[in-house]
């Protein structure tokens, strides 16, 4: 009788634990060497484009449904692709400086998904916490999944991350303004 009661108690406890703590989704690591992060920044009269390397990342799925994600970007790899020679080296150095991303003291940036909602077939509305220069702010964007590939486009307001160099907010001359928003186009390979 004692064994039967003990068996029932153990079955109930472990059964309830399984219901109360569902199995987490499956994390799929991102192949950083096959993924790209492209940036585009705008200024009065033009723009600049470049790349930055993904250090690590993973997307989390429940079956075939996206439910989470987290990424780390290597800020020391800022690379301008629309310039060459001294102009490229000068801009890369300036973007790494304290005027912009302070990569010596902030070598990485990160993004952690906080909410994922289906937004159509293989498309999701994602809210996440983006950390740049040690400052974390929420961002929202769409992610599309196609097989082992995922794509996203983000618009980032640099002012929120204390990147104010030649911003219109601090009163720089109109012809020298750099727009406050920059774009990130992310192509991920799992």
C-alpha atoms as a PDB file:
ATOM      1  CA  UNK A   1       0.000   0.000   0.000  1.00  0.00           C
ATOM      2  CA  UNK A   2       2.832   2.406   0.893  1.00  0.00           C
ATOM      3  CA  UNK A   3       4.511   1.670  -2.453  1.00  0.00           C
ATOM      4  CA  UNK A   4       1.295   2.375  -4.331  1.00  0.00           C
ATOM      5  CA  UNK A   5       0.750   5.688  -2.546  1.00  0.00           C
ATOM      6  CA  UNK A   6       4.399   6.649  -3.102  1.00  0.00           C
ATOM      7  CA  UNK A   7       4.107   5.753  -6.806  1.00  0.00           C
ATOM      8  CA  UNK A   8       0.961   7.854  -7.156  1.00  0.00           C
ATOM      9  CA  UNK A   9       2.573  10.825  -5.402  1.00  0.00           C
ATOM     10  CA  UNK A  10       5.715  10.625  -7.568  1.00  0.00           C
ATOM     11  CA  UNK A  11       3.649  10.273 -10.749  1.00  0.00           C
ATOM     12  CA  UNK A  12       1.520  13.262  -9.794  1.00  0.00           C
ATOM     13  CA  UNK A  13       4.502  15.455  -8.864  1.00  0.00           C
ATOM     14  CA  UNK A  14       6.517  14.640 -11.995  1.00  0.00           C
ATOM     15  CA  UNK A  15       3.415  14.808 -14.188  1.00  0.00           C
ATOM     16  CA  UNK A  16       2.543  18.288 -12.900  1.00  0.00           C
ATOM     17  CA  UNK A  17       6.166  19.395 -13.249  1.00  0.00           C
ATOM     18  CA  UNK A  18       6.143  18.393 -16.898  1.00  0.00           C
ATOM     19  CA  UNK A  19       2.949  20.390 -17.498  1.00  0.00           C
ATOM     20  CA  UNK A  20       4.126  23.433 -15.507  1.00  0.00           C
ATOM     21  CA  UNK A  21       7.548  23.499 -17.218  1.00  0.00           C
ATOM     22  CA  UNK A  22       7.073  22.784 -20.940  1.00  0.00           C
ATOM     23  CA  UNK A  23      10.124  21.794 -22.952  1.00  0.00           C
ATOM     24  CA  UNK A  24      11.973  24.821 -24.306  1.00  0.00           C
ATOM     25  CA  UNK A  25      12.168  25.394 -28.045  1.00  0.00           C
ATOM     26  CA  UNK A  26      15.027  24.230 -30.221  1.00  0.00           C
ATOM     27  CA  UNK A  27      17.873  26.709 -30.667  1.00  0.00           C
ATOM     28  CA  UNK A  28      19.468  26.847 -34.093  1.00  0.00           C
ATOM     29  CA  UNK A  29      22.907  28.415 -34.071  1.00  0.00           C
ATOM     30  CA  UNK A  30      23.630  30.976 -36.745  1.00  0.00           C
ATOM     31  CA  UNK A  31      26.605  30.341 -39.020  1.00  0.00           C
ATOM     32  CA  UNK A  32      28.374  33.639 -38.384  1.00  0.00           C
ATOM     33  CA  UNK A  33      30.848  33.165 -41.248  1.00  0.00           C
ATOM     34  CA  UNK A  34      27.997  32.699 -43.752  1.00  0.00           C
ATOM     35  CA  UNK A  35      25.756  35.482 -42.381  1.00  0.00           C
ATOM     36  CA  UNK A  36      25.972  39.205 -43.132  1.00  0.00           C
ATOM     37  CA  UNK A  37      25.086  42.418 -41.345  1.00  0.00           C
ATOM     38  CA  UNK A  38      25.082  45.411 -43.701  1.00  0.00           C
ATOM     39  CA  UNK A  39      24.650  48.987 -42.517  1.00  0.00           C
ATOM     40  CA  UNK A  40      23.689  52.169 -44.335  1.00  0.00           C
ATOM     41  CA  UNK A  41      24.000  55.612 -42.753  1.00  0.00           C
ATOM     42  CA  UNK A  42      22.674  58.808 -44.272  1.00  0.00           C
ATOM     43  CA  UNK A  43      23.903  62.378 -44.344  1.00  0.00           C
ATOM     44  CA  UNK A  44      22.769  65.507 -46.128  1.00  0.00           C
ATOM     45  CA  UNK A  45      23.717  64.934 -49.749  1.00  0.00           C
ATOM     46  CA  UNK A  46      24.641  61.259 -49.507  1.00  0.00           C
ATOM     47  CA  UNK A  47      25.159  58.075 -47.567  1.00  0.00           C
ATOM     48  CA  UNK A  48      27.743  55.467 -46.645  1.00  0.00           C
ATOM     49  CA  UNK A  49      27.438  51.692 -46.555  1.00  0.00           C
ATOM     50  CA  UNK A  50      29.385  48.940 -44.921  1.00  0.00           C
ATOM     51  CA  UNK A  51      29.413  45.687 -43.038  1.00  0.00           C
ATOM     52  CA  UNK A  52      29.959  44.470 -39.515  1.00  0.00           C
ATOM     53  CA  UNK A  53      30.642  40.882 -38.438  1.00  0.00           C
ATOM     54  CA  UNK A  54      28.252  38.757 -36.481  1.00  0.00           C
ATOM     55  CA  UNK A  55      30.145  37.167 -33.583  1.00  0.00           C
ATOM     56  CA  UNK A  56      27.469  34.679 -32.514  1.00  0.00           C
ATOM     57  CA  UNK A  57      23.754  34.140 -32.607  1.00  0.00           C
ATOM     58  CA  UNK A  58      20.865  31.725 -32.424  1.00  0.00           C
ATOM     59  CA  UNK A  59      17.207  31.617 -33.327  1.00  0.00           C
ATOM     60  CA  UNK A  60      14.815  29.612 -31.167  1.00  0.00           C
ATOM     61  CA  UNK A  61      11.929  27.651 -32.648  1.00  0.00           C
ATOM     62  CA  UNK A  62       8.936  25.789 -31.268  1.00  0.00           C
ATOM     63  CA  UNK A  63       8.395  23.331 -34.111  1.00  0.00           C
ATOM     64  CA  UNK A  64       8.674  25.524 -37.198  1.00  0.00           C
ATOM     65  CA  UNK A  65       7.511  28.678 -35.381  1.00  0.00           C
ATOM     66  CA  UNK A  66      10.058  31.357 -34.411  1.00  0.00           C
ATOM     67  CA  UNK A  67       9.835  32.084 -30.667  1.00  0.00           C
ATOM     68  CA  UNK A  68      13.140  33.769 -29.746  1.00  0.00           C
ATOM     69  CA  UNK A  69      16.615  34.845 -30.716  1.00  0.00           C
ATOM     70  CA  UNK A  70      19.825  36.439 -29.486  1.00  0.00           C
ATOM     71  CA  UNK A  71      22.855  37.845 -31.266  1.00  0.00           C
ATOM     72  CA  UNK A  72      26.233  39.429 -30.581  1.00  0.00           C
ATOM     73  CA  UNK A  73      27.959  41.674 -33.129  1.00  0.00           C
ATOM     74  CA  UNK A  74      31.711  42.367 -33.165  1.00  0.00           C
ATOM     75  CA  UNK A  75      31.804  46.171 -33.223  1.00  0.00           C
ATOM     76  CA  UNK A  76      35.565  46.183 -33.874  1.00  0.00           C
ATOM     77  CA  UNK A  77      34.874  44.918 -37.415  1.00  0.00           C
ATOM     78  CA  UNK A  78      33.121  48.065 -38.677  1.00  0.00           C
ATOM     79  CA  UNK A  79      33.975  48.166 -42.374  1.00  0.00           C
ATOM     80  CA  UNK A  80      33.022  50.863 -44.880  1.00  0.00           C
ATOM     81  CA  UNK A  81      32.372  49.351 -48.322  1.00  0.00           C
ATOM     82  CA  UNK A  82      31.594  52.427 -50.443  1.00  0.00           C
ATOM     83  CA  UNK A  83      35.009  54.081 -49.959  1.00  0.00           C
ATOM     84  CA  UNK A  84      38.608  53.029 -50.573  1.00  0.00           C
ATOM     85  CA  UNK A  85      42.072  53.933 -49.376  1.00  0.00           C
ATOM     86  CA  UNK A  86      42.583  56.815 -46.967  1.00  0.00           C
ATOM     87  CA  UNK A  87      38.914  57.886 -47.044  1.00  0.00           C
ATOM     88  CA  UNK A  88      37.797  54.378 -46.045  1.00  0.00           C
ATOM     89  CA  UNK A  89      40.425  54.081 -43.306  1.00  0.00           C
ATOM     90  CA  UNK A  90      39.551  57.525 -41.949  1.00  0.00           C
ATOM     91  CA  UNK A  91      35.801  56.771 -41.796  1.00  0.00           C
ATOM     92  CA  UNK A  92      36.341  53.296 -40.286  1.00  0.00           C
ATOM     93  CA  UNK A  93      38.544  54.851 -37.604  1.00  0.00           C
ATOM     94  CA  UNK A  94      36.050  57.628 -36.913  1.00  0.00           C
ATOM     95  CA  UNK A  95      33.135  55.179 -36.595  1.00  0.00           C
ATOM     96  CA  UNK A  96      35.201  53.185 -34.070  1.00  0.00           C
ATOM     97  CA  UNK A  97      36.028  56.333 -32.055  1.00  0.00           C
ATOM     98  CA  UNK A  98      34.162  57.845 -29.120  1.00  0.00           C
ATOM     99  CA  UNK A  99      32.311  60.154 -31.555  1.00  0.00           C
ATOM    100  CA  UNK A 100      30.367  57.083 -32.676  1.00  0.00           C
ATOM    101  CA  UNK A 101      30.593  53.491 -31.347  1.00  0.00           C
ATOM    102  CA  UNK A 102      33.519  53.623 -28.851  1.00  0.00           C
ATOM    103  CA  UNK A 103      34.644  50.150 -29.901  1.00  0.00           C
ATOM    104  CA  UNK A 104      37.712  50.136 -27.626  1.00  0.00           C
ATOM    105  CA  UNK A 105      35.471  50.190 -24.543  1.00  0.00           C
ATOM    106  CA  UNK A 106      32.398  48.606 -26.191  1.00  0.00           C
ATOM    107  CA  UNK A 107      33.713  45.862 -28.505  1.00  0.00           C
ATOM    108  CA  UNK A 108      30.322  44.159 -28.901  1.00  0.00           C
ATOM    109  CA  UNK A 109      26.672  45.050 -29.373  1.00  0.00           C
ATOM    110  CA  UNK A 110      23.813  42.628 -28.751  1.00  0.00           C
ATOM    111  CA  UNK A 111      20.185  41.967 -29.564  1.00  0.00           C
ATOM    112  CA  UNK A 112      17.879  39.745 -27.491  1.00  0.00           C
ATOM    113  CA  UNK A 113      14.318  39.047 -28.653  1.00  0.00           C
ATOM    114  CA  UNK A 114      11.715  39.764 -25.974  1.00  0.00           C
ATOM    115  CA  UNK A 115       8.527  39.123 -27.961  1.00  0.00           C
ATOM    116  CA  UNK A 116       7.785  37.329 -31.235  1.00  0.00           C
ATOM    117  CA  UNK A 117       4.383  37.405 -32.947  1.00  0.00           C
ATOM    118  CA  UNK A 118       3.404  35.693 -36.174  1.00  0.00           C
ATOM    119  CA  UNK A 119       2.755  38.256 -38.893  1.00  0.00           C
ATOM    120  CA  UNK A 120       1.891  36.035 -41.859  1.00  0.00           C
ATOM    121  CA  UNK A 121       3.445  32.978 -43.441  1.00  0.00           C
ATOM    122  CA  UNK A 122       7.053  32.704 -42.199  1.00  0.00           C
ATOM    123  CA  UNK A 123       7.066  36.386 -41.186  1.00  0.00           C
ATOM    124  CA  UNK A 124       7.246  37.611 -37.598  1.00  0.00           C
ATOM    125  CA  UNK A 125       6.951  40.934 -35.792  1.00  0.00           C
ATOM    126  CA  UNK A 126       9.803  40.970 -33.275  1.00  0.00           C
ATOM    127  CA  UNK A 127      10.473  43.244 -30.327  1.00  0.00           C
ATOM    128  CA  UNK A 128      13.877  43.012 -28.739  1.00  0.00           C
ATOM    129  CA  UNK A 129      16.430  44.737 -26.559  1.00  0.00           C
ATOM    130  CA  UNK A 130      19.272  46.229 -28.591  1.00  0.00           C
ATOM    131  CA  UNK A 131      22.416  47.129 -26.641  1.00  0.00           C
ATOM    132  CA  UNK A 132      24.956  49.517 -28.174  1.00  0.00           C
ATOM    133  CA  UNK A 133      27.686  51.253 -26.126  1.00  0.00           C
ATOM    134  CA  UNK A 134      26.273  49.601 -22.992  1.00  0.00           C
ATOM    135  CA  UNK A 135      22.872  51.278 -23.506  1.00  0.00           C
ATOM    136  CA  UNK A 136      19.852  48.998 -23.958  1.00  0.00           C
ATOM    137  CA  UNK A 137      16.710  50.189 -25.749  1.00  0.00           C
ATOM    138  CA  UNK A 138      13.753  48.346 -27.286  1.00  0.00           C
ATOM    139  CA  UNK A 139      13.519  47.956 -31.075  1.00  0.00           C
ATOM    140  CA  UNK A 140      10.832  46.450 -33.285  1.00  0.00           C
ATOM    141  CA  UNK A 141      11.278  44.921 -36.730  1.00  0.00           C
ATOM    142  CA  UNK A 142      10.133  42.084 -38.979  1.00  0.00           C
ATOM    143  CA  UNK A 143      11.943  38.785 -39.496  1.00  0.00           C
ATOM    144  CA  UNK A 144      11.304  36.472 -42.454  1.00  0.00           C
ATOM    145  CA  UNK A 145      12.271  32.801 -42.311  1.00  0.00           C
ATOM    146  CA  UNK A 146      12.849  30.755 -45.461  1.00  0.00           C
ATOM    147  CA  UNK A 147      14.282  27.303 -44.783  1.00  0.00           C
ATOM    148  CA  UNK A 148      17.686  27.747 -43.148  1.00  0.00           C
ATOM    149  CA  UNK A 149      17.772  31.478 -43.903  1.00  0.00           C
ATOM    150  CA  UNK A 150      16.384  34.448 -41.998  1.00  0.00           C
ATOM    151  CA  UNK A 151      16.330  38.118 -42.988  1.00  0.00           C
ATOM    152  CA  UNK A 152      15.538  41.286 -41.076  1.00  0.00           C
ATOM    153  CA  UNK A 153      15.656  45.043 -41.656  1.00  0.00           C
ATOM    154  CA  UNK A 154      16.114  47.326 -38.667  1.00  0.00           C
ATOM    155  CA  UNK A 155      16.052  51.100 -38.416  1.00  0.00           C
ATOM    156  CA  UNK A 156      18.138  52.271 -35.459  1.00  0.00           C
ATOM    157  CA  UNK A 157      17.999  55.739 -33.885  1.00  0.00           C
ATOM    158  CA  UNK A 158      21.626  56.388 -32.904  1.00  0.00           C
ATOM    159  CA  UNK A 159      20.679  59.209 -30.510  1.00  0.00           C
ATOM    160  CA  UNK A 160      19.125  56.639 -28.152  1.00  0.00           C
ATOM    161  CA  UNK A 161      22.601  55.087 -27.787  1.00  0.00           C
ATOM    162  CA  UNK A 162      24.431  58.358 -27.069  1.00  0.00           C
ATOM    163  CA  UNK A 163      25.821  58.658 -30.603  1.00  0.00           C
ATOM    164  CA  UNK A 164      25.213  62.355 -31.179  1.00  0.00           C
ATOM    165  CA  UNK A 165      28.089  63.387 -33.453  1.00  0.00           C
ATOM    166  CA  UNK A 166      26.774  65.936 -36.001  1.00  0.00           C
ATOM    167  CA  UNK A 167      23.170  65.208 -35.131  1.00  0.00           C
ATOM    168  CA  UNK A 168      20.557  67.848 -35.925  1.00  0.00           C
ATOM    169  CA  UNK A 169      19.475  67.584 -32.295  1.00  0.00           C
ATOM    170  CA  UNK A 170      22.657  69.267 -31.087  1.00  0.00           C
ATOM    171  CA  UNK A 171      22.498  72.145 -33.600  1.00  0.00           C
ATOM    172  CA  UNK A 172      25.175  71.318 -36.191  1.00  0.00           C
ATOM    173  CA  UNK A 173      25.184  73.389 -39.395  1.00  0.00           C
ATOM    174  CA  UNK A 174      22.573  72.056 -41.828  1.00  0.00           C
ATOM    175  CA  UNK A 175      25.036  71.025 -44.573  1.00  0.00           C
ATOM    176  CA  UNK A 176      27.062  68.889 -42.143  1.00  0.00           C
ATOM    177  CA  UNK A 177      24.183  66.892 -40.633  1.00  0.00           C
ATOM    178  CA  UNK A 178      24.297  63.130 -40.304  1.00  0.00           C
ATOM    179  CA  UNK A 179      20.851  61.607 -40.049  1.00  0.00           C
ATOM    180  CA  UNK A 180      19.965  60.148 -36.670  1.00  0.00           C
ATOM    181  CA  UNK A 181      18.646  56.860 -38.078  1.00  0.00           C
ATOM    182  CA  UNK A 182      20.726  54.205 -39.785  1.00  0.00           C
ATOM    183  CA  UNK A 183      19.626  50.955 -41.385  1.00  0.00           C
ATOM    184  CA  UNK A 184      20.760  47.410 -40.711  1.00  0.00           C
ATOM    185  CA  UNK A 185      20.038  44.629 -43.205  1.00  0.00           C
ATOM    186  CA  UNK A 186      20.657  41.224 -41.648  1.00  0.00           C
ATOM    187  CA  UNK A 187      20.916  37.981 -43.637  1.00  0.00           C
ATOM    188  CA  UNK A 188      21.330  34.948 -41.416  1.00  0.00           C
ATOM    189  CA  UNK A 189      22.301  31.409 -42.341  1.00  0.00           C
ATOM    190  CA  UNK A 190      21.457  28.631 -39.855  1.00  0.00           C
END
